[in-house]
Protein backbone atom coordinates (compact mmCIF):
# COMPACT_ATOMS: atom_id res chain seq x y z
CA MET A 1 0.00 0.00 0.00
CA ASP A 2 1.21 3.50 -0.86
CA LYS A 3 2.82 5.42 2.01
CA LYS A 4 0.28 8.22 1.77
CA TRP A 5 -2.54 5.86 2.78
CA TRP A 6 -0.45 4.63 5.69
CA THR A 7 -0.08 8.29 6.64
CA LEU A 8 -3.85 8.72 6.57
CA GLY A 9 -4.25 5.61 8.72
CA ALA A 10 -1.71 6.76 11.32
CA VAL A 11 -3.21 10.24 11.52
CA CYS A 12 -6.78 8.92 11.79
CA ILE A 13 -5.83 6.45 14.54
CA GLY A 14 -4.02 9.15 16.51
CA ILE A 15 -6.75 11.76 16.15
CA PHE A 16 -9.49 9.22 16.92
CA MET A 17 -7.72 8.45 20.17
CA LEU A 18 -7.24 12.16 20.93
CA LEU A 19 -10.81 13.26 20.20
CA LEU A 20 -12.28 10.26 21.98
CA ASP A 21 -10.66 11.47 25.19
CA LEU A 22 -12.40 14.83 24.83
CA THR A 23 -15.78 13.15 25.38
CA ILE A 24 -15.20 9.69 26.82
CA VAL A 25 -13.90 10.94 30.19
CA ASN A 26 -17.05 12.91 31.04
CA VAL A 27 -19.07 9.74 31.52
CA ALA A 28 -16.44 8.30 33.89
CA LEU A 29 -16.30 11.38 36.16
CA PRO A 30 -18.71 10.04 38.83
CA GLU A 31 -16.70 6.80 39.09
CA ILE A 32 -13.46 8.79 39.38
CA GLU A 33 -15.17 10.90 42.03
CA ARG A 34 -16.10 7.85 44.08
CA ALA A 35 -12.72 6.18 43.61
CA PHE A 36 -10.73 9.13 44.94
CA GLY A 37 -13.26 11.00 47.08
CA ALA A 38 -12.91 13.84 44.58
CA SER A 39 -14.59 17.21 45.00
CA LEU A 40 -16.41 19.08 42.26
CA SER A 41 -13.34 21.27 41.70
CA ASP A 42 -11.20 18.12 41.31
CA LEU A 43 -13.57 16.88 38.60
CA GLN A 44 -13.41 20.26 36.88
CA TRP A 45 -9.62 19.96 36.82
CA VAL A 46 -9.74 16.45 35.34
CA ILE A 47 -11.35 18.01 32.25
CA ASP A 48 -9.62 21.39 32.36
CA ALA A 49 -6.07 20.08 32.79
CA TYR A 50 -6.44 18.36 29.42
CA ALA A 51 -8.10 21.37 27.76
CA LEU A 52 -5.53 23.80 29.19
CA THR A 53 -2.47 22.00 27.86
CA LEU A 54 -4.20 21.53 24.51
CA ALA A 55 -4.94 25.25 24.31
CA ALA A 56 -1.51 26.34 25.50
CA LEU A 57 0.55 24.11 23.20
CA LEU A 58 -1.37 23.93 19.92
CA LEU A 59 0.32 26.89 18.22
CA THR A 60 3.78 26.18 19.63
CA SER A 61 3.54 22.51 18.62
CA GLY A 62 2.82 23.51 15.03
CA SER A 63 5.92 25.69 14.96
CA LEU A 64 8.08 22.91 16.40
CA ALA A 65 6.74 20.45 13.82
CA ASP A 66 7.58 22.79 10.95
CA LEU A 67 11.07 23.26 12.38
CA PHE A 68 12.08 19.74 13.45
CA GLY A 69 9.85 17.54 11.30
CA ARG A 70 6.16 16.72 11.34
CA ARG A 71 6.54 12.95 11.48
CA LEU A 72 8.98 13.26 14.37
CA LEU A 73 6.67 15.54 16.36
CA PHE A 74 3.61 13.41 15.60
CA ALA A 75 5.48 10.36 16.89
CA VAL A 76 6.53 12.28 20.01
CA GLY A 77 2.91 13.31 20.51
CA ILE A 78 1.73 9.69 20.30
CA VAL A 79 4.33 8.61 22.88
CA VAL A 80 3.46 11.43 25.30
CA PHE A 81 -0.28 10.84 24.90
CA THR A 82 0.06 7.08 25.39
CA VAL A 83 2.28 7.45 28.46
CA GLY A 84 -0.16 10.04 29.82
CA SER A 85 -3.02 7.58 29.27
CA PHE A 86 -1.13 4.90 31.20
CA LEU A 87 -0.51 7.32 34.07
CA CYS A 88 -4.21 8.26 34.13
CA GLY A 89 -5.11 4.57 34.32
CA ILE A 90 -2.84 3.87 37.31
CA SER A 91 -3.76 7.07 39.15
CA THR A 92 -3.99 6.77 42.92
CA GLY A 93 -5.64 10.09 43.72
CA SER A 94 -7.18 13.28 42.38
CA LEU A 95 -3.92 15.22 42.03
CA PHE A 96 -2.27 12.28 40.28
CA ILE A 97 -4.96 12.00 37.61
CA ILE A 98 -5.14 15.79 37.12
CA LEU A 99 -1.39 15.95 36.45
CA ALA A 100 -1.58 12.88 34.22
CA ARG A 101 -4.42 14.47 32.24
CA GLY A 102 -2.31 17.57 31.75
CA PHE A 103 0.56 15.42 30.46
CA GLN A 104 -1.87 13.59 28.19
CA GLY A 105 -3.00 16.97 26.81
CA ILE A 106 0.57 17.83 25.84
CA GLY A 107 0.67 14.79 23.58
CA GLY A 108 -2.79 15.60 22.25
CA ALA A 109 -1.74 19.13 21.32
CA ILE A 110 1.30 17.86 19.42
CA MET A 111 -0.74 15.30 17.48
CA PHE A 112 -3.55 17.72 16.70
CA ALA A 113 -1.17 20.46 15.53
CA THR A 114 0.69 18.18 13.10
CA SER A 115 -2.10 15.96 11.74
CA LEU A 116 -3.41 18.23 8.98
CA ALA A 117 0.10 19.19 7.89
CA LEU A 118 1.02 15.50 7.47
CA LEU A 119 -2.02 14.90 5.30
CA ALA A 120 -1.41 18.05 3.28
CA GLU A 121 2.13 16.88 2.54
CA ALA A 122 1.13 13.32 1.66
CA PHE A 123 -1.82 13.97 -0.66
CA ARG A 124 -2.30 16.02 -3.80
CA GLY A 125 -5.19 16.91 -6.05
CA ARG A 126 -8.46 15.04 -5.80
CA GLU A 127 -7.02 12.49 -3.37
CA ARG A 128 -6.72 15.24 -0.80
CA GLY A 129 -10.47 15.60 -0.76
CA ILE A 130 -10.82 11.86 -0.17
CA ALA A 131 -8.23 11.90 2.62
CA PHE A 132 -9.81 14.84 4.40
CA GLY A 133 -13.24 13.30 3.93
CA VAL A 134 -12.08 10.15 5.73
CA PHE A 135 -10.40 12.29 8.39
CA GLY A 136 -13.59 14.28 8.91
CA ALA A 137 -15.68 11.12 9.20
CA VAL A 138 -13.30 9.68 11.80
CA THR A 139 -13.45 12.85 13.90
CA GLY A 140 -17.24 12.86 13.76
CA ILE A 141 -17.48 9.21 14.77
CA ALA A 142 -15.05 9.73 17.67
CA VAL A 143 -17.13 12.56 19.10
CA ALA A 144 -20.41 10.71 18.54
CA ILE A 145 -19.49 7.38 20.14
CA GLY A 146 -17.29 8.76 22.93
CA PRO A 147 -19.98 8.90 25.64
CA VAL A 148 -21.37 5.46 24.76
CA LEU A 149 -17.97 3.80 24.57
CA GLY A 150 -16.94 5.46 27.82
CA GLY A 151 -20.11 4.21 29.47
CA VAL A 152 -19.65 0.64 28.25
CA ILE A 153 -16.04 0.48 29.43
CA THR A 154 -16.75 2.17 32.77
CA SER A 155 -19.80 0.04 33.57
CA GLY A 156 -18.50 -3.21 32.10
CA ILE A 157 -14.87 -3.18 33.20
CA SER A 158 -13.51 -0.12 35.04
CA TRP A 159 -13.11 3.59 34.42
CA ARG A 160 -9.34 2.98 34.31
CA PHE A 161 -9.71 1.12 31.01
CA ILE A 162 -10.96 4.22 29.20
CA PHE A 163 -7.30 5.23 29.47
CA PHE A 164 -5.67 1.79 29.20
CA VAL A 165 -7.44 1.18 25.88
CA ASN A 166 -5.29 3.95 24.40
CA ILE A 167 -2.07 2.01 25.00
CA PRO A 168 -2.39 -0.68 22.26
CA ILE A 169 -3.90 1.91 19.91
CA GLY A 170 -0.98 4.23 20.58
CA VAL A 171 1.57 1.46 19.98
CA VAL A 172 0.00 0.65 16.60
CA ALA A 173 -0.14 4.31 15.60
CA LEU A 174 3.49 4.82 16.63
CA GLY A 175 4.65 1.78 14.67
CA VAL A 176 2.87 2.92 11.51
CA THR A 177 4.15 6.49 11.91
CA LEU A 178 7.81 5.48 12.32
CA THR A 179 7.84 2.89 9.52
CA LYS A 180 5.37 4.14 6.92
CA VAL A 181 5.04 7.94 7.20
CA ALA A 182 7.39 10.20 5.27
CA GLU A 183 9.12 13.05 7.08
CA SER A 184 8.44 16.65 6.10
CA ARG A 185 9.26 20.09 7.46
CA ASN A 186 9.01 23.73 6.49
CA PRO A 187 12.41 25.00 5.27
CA ARG A 188 11.33 28.57 6.09
CA ALA A 189 10.05 27.73 9.58
CA SER A 190 10.71 30.26 12.31
CA ARG A 191 11.70 29.60 15.89
CA PRO A 192 8.84 29.04 18.35
CA ASP A 193 7.54 32.11 20.16
CA LEU A 194 8.69 31.17 23.68
CA PRO A 195 7.75 34.48 25.40
CA GLY A 196 4.30 34.30 23.82
CA PHE A 197 3.86 30.70 24.91
CA VAL A 198 4.89 31.42 28.52
CA THR A 199 2.69 34.50 28.96
CA PHE A 200 -0.34 32.97 27.24
CA SER A 201 -0.10 29.68 29.16
CA GLY A 202 0.43 31.50 32.44
CA ALA A 203 -2.54 33.82 31.87
CA LEU A 204 -4.88 30.96 30.98
CA ALA A 205 -3.74 28.76 33.88
CA ALA A 206 -4.11 31.60 36.41
CA LEU A 207 -7.56 32.48 35.08
CA VAL A 208 -8.88 28.93 35.26
CA TYR A 209 -7.29 28.30 38.66
CA GLY A 210 -8.89 31.42 40.09
CA MET A 211 -12.33 30.55 38.75
CA ILE A 212 -12.22 26.93 39.94
CA ARG A 213 -10.95 27.92 43.39
CA SER A 214 -13.77 30.45 43.70
CA SER A 215 -16.21 27.50 43.68
CA ALA A 216 -15.09 26.54 47.18
CA SER A 217 -13.56 29.75 48.55
CA GLY A 218 -15.71 32.49 47.04
CA TRP A 219 -14.75 35.43 44.85
CA GLY A 220 -13.44 37.41 47.83
CA ASP A 221 -10.71 34.88 48.62
CA SER A 222 -7.24 36.47 48.44
CA VAL A 223 -5.84 33.63 46.32
CA VAL A 224 -8.73 33.93 43.87
CA ILE A 225 -8.22 37.69 43.57
CA GLY A 226 -4.47 37.23 43.16
CA SER A 227 -4.93 34.55 40.48
CA LEU A 228 -7.35 36.67 38.45
CA ALA A 229 -5.08 39.71 38.78
CA ALA A 230 -2.09 37.66 37.65
CA ALA A 231 -4.13 36.40 34.67
CA GLY A 232 -4.90 40.00 33.65
CA VAL A 233 -1.26 41.09 33.95
CA LEU A 234 0.03 38.09 32.02
CA PHE A 235 -2.55 38.55 29.28
CA ILE A 236 -1.52 42.19 28.84
CA ALA A 237 2.11 41.03 28.72
CA PHE A 238 1.16 38.45 26.07
CA VAL A 239 -0.47 41.12 23.89
CA LEU A 240 2.57 43.40 24.22
CA VAL A 241 4.98 40.54 23.43
CA GLU A 242 3.02 39.54 20.32
CA LEU A 243 2.75 43.12 19.04
CA ALA A 244 6.51 43.55 19.39
CA ARG A 245 7.50 40.36 17.52
CA SER A 246 8.02 40.23 13.79
CA GLU A 247 6.74 36.62 13.65
CA PRO A 248 4.27 36.31 16.56
CA MET A 249 2.45 33.21 17.74
CA LEU A 250 -0.79 35.16 17.35
CA ASP A 251 -0.85 37.79 14.63
CA PHE A 252 -3.30 40.42 15.91
CA SER A 253 -3.64 41.87 12.42
CA LEU A 254 -5.89 38.87 11.64
CA LEU A 255 -8.49 40.40 13.94
CA ARG A 256 -8.95 43.24 11.46
CA LYS A 257 -11.05 40.87 9.38
CA PRO A 258 -14.49 40.72 11.00
CA THR A 259 -15.14 37.20 9.72
CA PHE A 260 -11.99 35.85 11.38
CA THR A 261 -13.04 37.47 14.66
CA GLY A 262 -16.53 36.02 14.23
CA GLY A 263 -14.99 32.58 13.84
CA LEU A 264 -13.12 33.03 17.11
CA VAL A 265 -16.35 34.07 18.81
CA ALA A 266 -18.02 30.93 17.46
CA ALA A 267 -15.12 28.69 18.50
CA PHE A 268 -15.12 30.06 22.04
CA GLY A 269 -18.91 30.26 22.32
CA ILE A 270 -19.76 26.69 21.33
CA ASN A 271 -17.25 25.17 23.74
CA ALA A 272 -17.95 27.59 26.61
CA SER A 273 -21.68 26.83 26.45
CA ILE A 274 -22.98 23.43 25.38
CA PHE A 275 -19.68 21.50 25.53
CA ALA A 276 -18.74 22.89 28.95
CA LEU A 277 -22.17 21.86 30.23
CA PHE A 278 -21.60 18.18 29.32
CA THR A 279 -19.72 17.71 32.60
CA TYR A 280 -22.66 18.87 34.73
CA LEU A 281 -25.27 17.03 32.66
CA VAL A 282 -23.33 13.79 33.16
CA LEU A 283 -23.15 14.38 36.91
CA TYR A 284 -26.90 15.01 36.97
CA LEU A 285 -27.73 11.83 35.08
CA GLN A 286 -25.46 9.63 37.19
CA ASP A 287 -25.48 11.26 40.63
CA GLY A 288 -28.92 12.86 40.52
CA LEU A 289 -30.88 10.22 38.60
CA HIS A 290 -28.59 7.29 39.53
CA LEU A 291 -28.15 6.08 35.95
CA SER A 292 -25.18 3.85 35.16
CA ALA A 293 -22.30 5.09 33.04
CA VAL A 294 -23.45 3.07 30.02
CA ALA A 295 -27.04 4.27 30.41
CA THR A 296 -25.75 7.85 30.53
CA GLY A 297 -23.67 7.32 27.40
CA VAL A 298 -26.62 5.89 25.50
CA ARG A 299 -28.74 8.92 26.39
CA PHE A 300 -26.00 11.27 25.24
CA LEU A 301 -26.06 9.46 21.91
CA ILE A 302 -29.38 11.25 21.30
CA MET A 303 -27.43 14.50 21.12
CA THR A 304 -24.19 13.33 19.50
CA GLY A 305 -26.05 11.21 16.95
CA THR A 306 -28.16 14.20 15.95
CA THR A 307 -24.98 16.26 15.64
CA PHE A 308 -23.44 13.64 13.34
CA VAL A 309 -26.48 13.58 11.04
CA THR A 310 -26.88 17.37 10.96
CA ALA A 311 -23.18 17.84 10.24
CA ALA A 312 -23.54 15.72 7.10
CA VAL A 313 -26.37 17.97 5.92
CA ALA A 314 -24.43 21.12 6.79
CA GLY A 315 -21.42 19.84 4.86
CA ARG A 316 -23.49 19.81 1.68
CA LEU A 317 -24.90 23.27 2.37
CA THR A 318 -21.60 25.08 2.91
CA SER A 319 -21.07 25.59 -0.82
CA LYS A 320 -24.63 26.87 -1.32
CA VAL A 321 -25.52 28.84 1.82
CA PRO A 322 -23.55 31.77 3.29
CA ILE A 323 -21.55 30.57 6.28
CA LYS A 324 -23.20 32.92 8.76
CA TRP A 325 -26.64 31.50 7.90
CA LEU A 326 -25.41 28.13 9.16
CA ILE A 327 -23.46 29.25 12.23
CA ALA A 328 -25.92 31.83 13.59
CA PRO A 329 -28.98 29.54 13.34
CA GLY A 330 -26.81 26.78 14.81
CA PHE A 331 -26.22 28.89 17.91
CA ALA A 332 -29.94 29.73 18.05
CA LEU A 333 -30.75 26.01 18.07
CA ALA A 334 -28.03 25.28 20.65
CA GLY A 335 -29.40 28.01 22.93
CA LEU A 336 -32.97 26.83 22.45
CA GLY A 337 -31.91 23.28 23.22
CA LEU A 338 -30.34 24.40 26.50
CA ILE A 339 -33.52 26.26 27.45
CA LEU A 340 -35.53 23.11 26.72
CA MET A 341 -33.20 21.15 29.02
CA ALA A 342 -33.74 23.68 31.82
CA GLY A 343 -36.83 23.72 34.02
CA LEU A 344 -35.74 20.55 35.80
CA ARG A 345 -37.34 19.62 39.12
CA PRO A 346 -36.25 17.10 41.77
CA SER A 347 -38.95 14.79 40.43
CA SER A 348 -37.89 15.10 36.77
CA GLY A 349 -36.69 12.08 34.82
CA TRP A 350 -34.10 11.82 32.06
CA ALA A 351 -36.79 12.11 29.36
CA HIS A 352 -37.09 15.80 30.25
CA LEU A 353 -33.73 16.33 28.53
CA VAL A 354 -34.59 14.58 25.25
CA PRO A 355 -36.12 17.56 23.33
CA GLY A 356 -33.19 19.74 24.35
CA PHE A 357 -30.67 17.06 23.37
CA LEU A 358 -32.21 16.80 19.90
CA VAL A 359 -32.40 20.55 19.25
CA ALA A 360 -28.95 21.34 20.71
CA GLY A 361 -27.40 18.43 18.81
CA ALA A 362 -28.74 19.83 15.54
CA GLY A 363 -27.29 23.24 16.42
CA ILE A 364 -23.85 21.81 17.13
CA GLY A 365 -23.84 20.07 13.75
CA LEU A 366 -24.64 23.32 11.94
CA ILE A 367 -21.83 25.18 13.74
CA ASN A 368 -19.01 22.65 13.67
CA VAL A 369 -18.86 22.06 9.94
CA PRO A 370 -18.45 25.62 8.60
CA LEU A 371 -16.43 26.85 11.60
CA ALA A 372 -13.03 25.95 10.12
CA SER A 373 -13.81 28.07 7.06
CA THR A 374 -14.14 31.21 9.16
CA ALA A 375 -10.49 30.80 10.15
CA VAL A 376 -8.70 29.59 7.01
CA GLY A 377 -11.13 30.95 4.44
CA VAL A 378 -10.33 34.61 5.02
CA VAL A 379 -6.52 34.56 5.04
CA GLU A 380 -3.85 33.95 2.44
CA PRO A 381 -2.51 30.36 2.26
CA ALA A 382 0.75 31.27 4.03
CA ARG A 383 -1.12 32.13 7.22
CA SER A 384 -3.81 29.45 7.11
CA GLY A 385 -1.95 27.20 9.56
CA MET A 386 -1.74 29.94 12.18
CA ALA A 387 -5.37 30.95 11.56
CA SER A 388 -6.63 27.40 12.02
CA GLY A 389 -4.46 26.93 15.10
CA ILE A 390 -5.81 30.09 16.73
CA ASN A 391 -9.37 28.96 16.08
CA SER A 392 -8.70 25.52 17.60
CA THR A 393 -6.98 27.15 20.57
CA LEU A 394 -10.01 29.34 21.27
CA ARG A 395 -12.19 26.21 21.36
CA GLN A 396 -10.07 24.72 24.14
CA VAL A 397 -9.96 28.06 25.97
CA GLY A 398 -13.75 28.05 25.81
CA THR A 399 -13.90 24.56 27.32
CA ALA A 400 -11.48 25.37 30.14
CA THR A 401 -12.97 28.72 31.13
CA GLY A 402 -16.56 27.58 30.56
CA ILE A 403 -16.25 24.60 32.89
CA ALA A 404 -14.52 26.75 35.51
CA ALA A 405 -16.96 29.68 35.37
CA LEU A 406 -20.11 27.55 35.21
CA GLY A 407 -18.79 25.38 38.03
CA SER A 408 -18.30 28.40 40.27
CA ILE A 409 -21.87 29.57 39.64
CA PHE A 410 -23.22 26.05 40.03
CA SER A 411 -21.50 25.53 43.41
CA ALA A 412 -22.70 28.87 44.77
CA THR A 413 -26.28 28.11 43.75
CA VAL A 414 -26.19 24.61 45.24
CA ARG A 415 -24.88 25.94 48.56
CA ALA A 416 -27.50 28.71 48.72
CA THR A 417 -30.34 26.31 47.88
CA VAL A 418 -29.27 23.71 50.45
CA VAL A 419 -29.02 26.34 53.18
CA SER A 420 -32.43 27.75 52.21
CA SER A 421 -34.05 24.29 52.12
CA LEU A 422 -32.77 23.42 55.62
CA SER A 423 -33.43 26.83 57.20
CA GLY A 424 -36.77 25.85 58.71
CA THR A 425 -35.62 22.50 60.11
CA ALA A 426 -33.66 21.27 63.10
CA LEU A 427 -30.65 21.11 60.79
CA ALA A 428 -30.59 24.88 60.26
CA PRO A 429 -27.61 25.51 62.62
CA ARG A 430 -25.52 23.08 60.56
CA ALA A 431 -26.94 24.02 57.14
CA ALA A 432 -23.81 25.87 56.01
CA SER A 433 -21.47 22.98 56.81
CA ILE A 434 -23.87 20.49 55.21
CA ALA A 435 -24.03 22.66 52.09
CA SER A 436 -20.23 22.72 51.90
CA GLY A 437 -20.19 18.95 52.23
CA VAL A 438 -22.67 18.61 49.39
CA THR A 439 -20.65 20.80 46.98
CA SER A 440 -17.40 19.05 47.89
CA GLY A 441 -18.90 15.71 46.84
CA GLN A 442 -19.42 14.21 50.28
CA LEU A 443 -23.14 13.62 49.62
CA ARG A 444 -22.40 11.55 46.53
CA ARG A 445 -19.87 9.53 48.53
CA GLY A 446 -22.42 9.08 51.33
CA SER A 447 -20.37 10.68 54.12
CA VAL A 448 -22.78 13.57 54.70
CA LEU A 449 -25.78 11.25 54.98
CA ALA A 450 -23.87 8.77 57.15
CA ARG A 451 -23.46 11.43 59.82
CA GLN A 452 -27.20 12.20 59.97
CA HIS A 453 -30.13 10.64 61.82
CA PRO A 454 -32.25 8.62 59.31
CA HIS A 455 -35.01 11.25 59.36
CA ALA A 456 -32.49 14.06 58.93
CA ALA A 457 -30.74 12.14 56.13
CA ALA A 458 -33.90 12.26 54.03
CA ALA A 459 -34.13 16.02 54.48
CA VAL A 460 -30.47 16.46 53.54
CA SER A 461 -30.85 14.22 50.48
CA HIS A 462 -33.88 16.19 49.29
CA ALA A 463 -32.14 19.55 49.86
CA ALA A 464 -29.05 18.35 47.99
CA LEU A 465 -31.04 17.17 44.97
CA ALA A 466 -33.03 20.43 44.97
CA GLY A 467 -29.76 22.36 45.09
CA PHE A 468 -28.24 20.31 42.27
CA VAL A 469 -31.29 20.78 40.04
CA HIS A 470 -31.52 24.50 40.80
CA GLY A 471 -27.82 24.95 40.08
CA LEU A 472 -28.04 23.00 36.83
CA ASN A 473 -31.05 25.02 35.68
CA GLU A 474 -29.17 28.25 36.32
CA ILE A 475 -26.06 27.30 34.35
CA LEU A 476 -28.22 25.89 31.52
CA PHE A 477 -29.81 29.33 31.15
CA ILE A 478 -26.37 30.97 31.29
CA GLY A 479 -25.12 28.57 28.61
CA ALA A 480 -28.15 29.47 26.49
CA ALA A 481 -27.36 33.18 26.90
CA VAL A 482 -23.76 32.56 25.77
CA SER A 483 -25.08 30.70 22.72
CA PHE A 484 -27.54 33.44 21.77
CA VAL A 485 -24.96 36.21 22.18
CA SER A 486 -22.38 34.22 20.18
CA GLY A 487 -24.92 33.66 17.39
CA ALA A 488 -25.84 37.35 17.25
CA LEU A 489 -22.17 38.39 17.09
CA CYS A 490 -21.48 35.84 14.35
CA LEU A 491 -24.44 37.11 12.34
CA PHE A 492 -23.01 40.62 12.60
CA LEU A 493 -19.30 39.82 12.10
CA ILE A 494 -19.19 37.03 9.51
CA ARG A 495 -19.32 38.45 5.97
CA GLN A 496 -19.29 36.40 2.80
CA LYS A 497 -17.20 39.01 1.00
CA ASP A 498 -14.28 38.28 3.35
CA PHE A 499 -13.85 34.76 2.04
CA THR A 500 -11.31 34.05 -0.66
CA SER A 501 -12.40 32.67 -4.02
CA ALA A 502 -11.69 29.09 -2.91
CA HIS A 503 -14.47 29.44 -0.39
CA THR A 504 -17.08 31.23 -2.44
CA GLY A 505 -17.04 28.99 -5.45
CA GLU A 506 -15.50 31.72 -7.66
CA GLY A 507 -12.29 31.16 -9.52
CA PRO A 508 -9.91 28.19 -9.33
CA ARG A 509 -9.70 26.06 -6.23
CA SER A 510 -6.49 26.31 -4.27
CA GLY A 511 -4.29 23.33 -3.51
CA SER A 512 -3.08 25.03 -0.34
CA LEU A 513 -3.75 24.07 3.24
CA GLU A 514 -6.42 26.76 3.19
CA HIS A 515 -8.48 24.76 0.71
CA GLU A 516 -7.64 21.46 2.36
CA GLU A 517 -9.02 22.52 5.71
CA THR A 518 -12.15 23.82 4.05
CA GLU A 519 -12.64 20.42 2.44
CA LEU A 520 -12.21 18.86 5.88
CA ALA A 521 -14.90 21.17 7.24
CA ARG A 522 -17.26 20.14 4.44
CA ALA A 523 -16.57 16.40 4.81
């Protein structure tokens, strides 16, 4: 078999493994929580540690791949990701798995940053469309089946095997990469932007740390204030560093094109709203409704399956319908879906979520497909790699900050509701400490209830469920607001006239990475 098809196989295996871990872990969170006595903030970090390292390293990894060789960096990424998966699987506590997830994210960033470049180098002409079509199908399948596969493994074997399963896959991908994939690099590659990387990573880490800590300590906590202040200072430093460099990691001149900015709004908005809420919906289904991991994954298939089908329709519409008339309605559907999910009561069942899952899933499908075009479709081919990387980075920033911010609001609402529910009972003097125990996960582990008289335990259990439902309703409405605002901004910012001829159907199609990524978006 020709080496280029081996390249496609290696890339698809690696990216399947990477994208699977963006969704598969959510379903295992309650089991991880019980295994380690993890708090809500610990669970937030299990997701955010992965998203943070992905966001921080995507652009730098692309520069390193151009400089030292894309096959080499892709192989390094596979090794790091596989070792990180092994470390996640043998974790002995919350801090261990959080650090292992961060290490896993480093490998994921390297693989993600080099995958499209490897395909672009290996394929030419019409075969590129086929390769990117296969790549697009694999990414869609990974996202769609992630919750179900995670549920099956977690319920049938152990949550640890959602990480261990990556090891044989990683070994196969590494073997194919080292023996069958041709090396390539950019002879005009510049050195990585180290000051930009350090200031951007520091700003993002400080921001997320401050928001997650506020869940337990409140916004007035000195460490929270210091973290948020440090994030602001580092972000200003990042902007100044990038403006001063001749070859920056993030070229701010790209923001002069409204459509590019609209794409960044869409990338951040979709992940900060519906995708960030996945974590809390999973906790509700498993901890609130006591569904198993596999039952939770099957129910999420209602949403991800709808996304997969809608994305196929959207892919055929991108050449006929202006991009903003796909993305903006997509956000409207995502927001409407979140509103339909809200209105939960302690007595609600999982079927309450079904209409929202269907509508939000359709919205996600309409947004995801044309989103790549808003990045690479408005810049010259030489800058398409950076443009795509920035867009992907903003998606991970949206995930990390969305989970952190929504978690802080969720925790505060749960505490207030528990205290209010117990205020008229004999438990009122201890309501505040019980509320803290609920938000730290002690209720789900049973330790709060174990300390109560049987009659009091029922009151605590009811207050906790009421708090959980009230908190979830609140962040669902906030997620809907983020979706609606993102859609309105995209409708205003995204302009068809900003797209190059390769994206409007006028003139000859480009063989550049710009066109290749558009074909991926349409696949």
